[in-house]
Amino acid sequence: MYVDFIRFEPGGRILTQDDVIPEHVKFENQSEYKNTDTVAKKLKDSFDFIWREFGFNRSINYNKSGNWASGR
């Protein structure tokens, strides 16, 4: 995982094996796949989990309101 030094936070770790395994994300029906905002909201907790494993407070791909910040 690479993050430029501007966003780097001390206390991270190096991934040595496949030990970062977030909870499964369940979609109730296929129509949920059609709305990108719905997909992004469902995946947020998983992305936050992964980023926290490496010393970050949250995924930098979402803004402080919890919405996907496209264009990063």
Protein backbone atom coordinates (compact mmCIF):
# COMPACT_ATOMS: atom_id res chain seq x y z
CA MET A 1 0.00 0.00 0.00
CA TYR A 2 1.48 3.33 -0.99
CA VAL A 3 0.52 6.72 0.36
CA ASP A 4 2.48 9.86 -0.46
CA PHE A 5 4.34 11.54 2.39
CA ILE A 6 1.79 14.36 2.67
CA ARG A 7 -0.86 11.86 3.83
CA PHE A 8 1.50 9.54 5.70
CA GLU A 9 0.78 9.07 9.39
CA PRO A 10 3.30 7.48 11.76
CA GLY A 11 2.40 4.20 13.42
CA GLY A 12 1.56 2.27 10.28
CA ARG A 13 2.81 -1.20 9.58
CA ILE A 14 4.11 -3.30 6.74
CA LEU A 15 1.83 -5.98 5.36
CA THR A 16 3.60 -9.31 5.77
CA GLN A 17 0.80 -11.69 4.83
CA ASP A 18 -2.88 -11.74 3.94
CA ASP A 19 -3.94 -10.72 7.43
CA VAL A 20 -6.08 -7.69 6.61
CA ILE A 21 -9.47 -9.23 6.00
CA PRO A 22 -12.49 -6.91 6.34
CA GLU A 23 -16.02 -8.16 6.94
CA HIS A 24 -17.94 -9.28 3.89
CA VAL A 25 -20.22 -6.68 2.33
CA LYS A 26 -23.67 -7.97 1.53
CA PHE A 27 -25.84 -6.51 -1.19
CA GLU A 28 -29.50 -7.39 -0.79
CA ASN A 29 -30.38 -7.19 -4.48
CA GLN A 30 -28.86 -6.40 -7.85
CA SER A 31 -30.46 -2.98 -8.06
CA GLU A 32 -28.05 -1.75 -5.37
CA TYR A 33 -25.17 -2.23 -7.82
CA LYS A 34 -26.64 0.34 -10.19
CA ASN A 35 -26.23 3.28 -7.82
CA THR A 36 -22.56 4.16 -7.27
CA ASP A 37 -23.38 6.18 -4.14
CA THR A 38 -25.05 3.14 -2.57
CA VAL A 39 -22.08 0.92 -3.44
CA ALA A 40 -19.63 3.47 -2.01
CA LYS A 41 -21.59 3.77 1.25
CA LYS A 42 -21.73 -0.02 1.65
CA LEU A 43 -17.97 -0.34 1.09
CA LYS A 44 -16.96 2.54 3.40
CA ASP A 45 -16.62 0.46 6.57
CA SER A 46 -14.42 -2.05 4.75
CA PHE A 47 -12.16 0.66 3.36
CA ASP A 48 -11.96 2.36 6.77
CA PHE A 49 -10.99 -0.97 8.34
CA ILE A 50 -8.19 -1.50 5.83
CA TRP A 51 -6.78 2.02 6.26
CA ARG A 52 -6.95 1.74 10.08
CA GLU A 53 -4.89 -1.45 9.89
CA PHE A 54 -2.09 0.70 8.48
CA GLY A 55 -2.29 3.49 11.04
CA PHE A 56 -4.75 5.89 9.45
CA ASN A 57 -7.91 7.16 11.13
CA ARG A 58 -10.09 6.38 8.12
CA SER A 59 -9.99 5.87 4.38
CA ILE A 60 -8.75 8.98 2.61
CA ASN A 61 -11.05 8.06 -0.29
CA TYR A 62 -14.06 9.33 1.67
CA ASN A 63 -14.64 12.87 2.89
CA LYS A 64 -15.34 13.79 6.50
CA SER A 65 -19.08 13.44 5.85
CA GLY A 66 -18.55 9.81 4.86
CA ASN A 67 -19.19 10.28 1.16
CA TRP A 68 -16.95 8.88 -1.58
CA ALA A 69 -14.53 11.63 -2.63
CA SER A 70 -14.09 10.85 -6.30
CA GLY A 71 -11.26 12.43 -8.24
CA ARG A 72 -8.51 11.93 -5.65
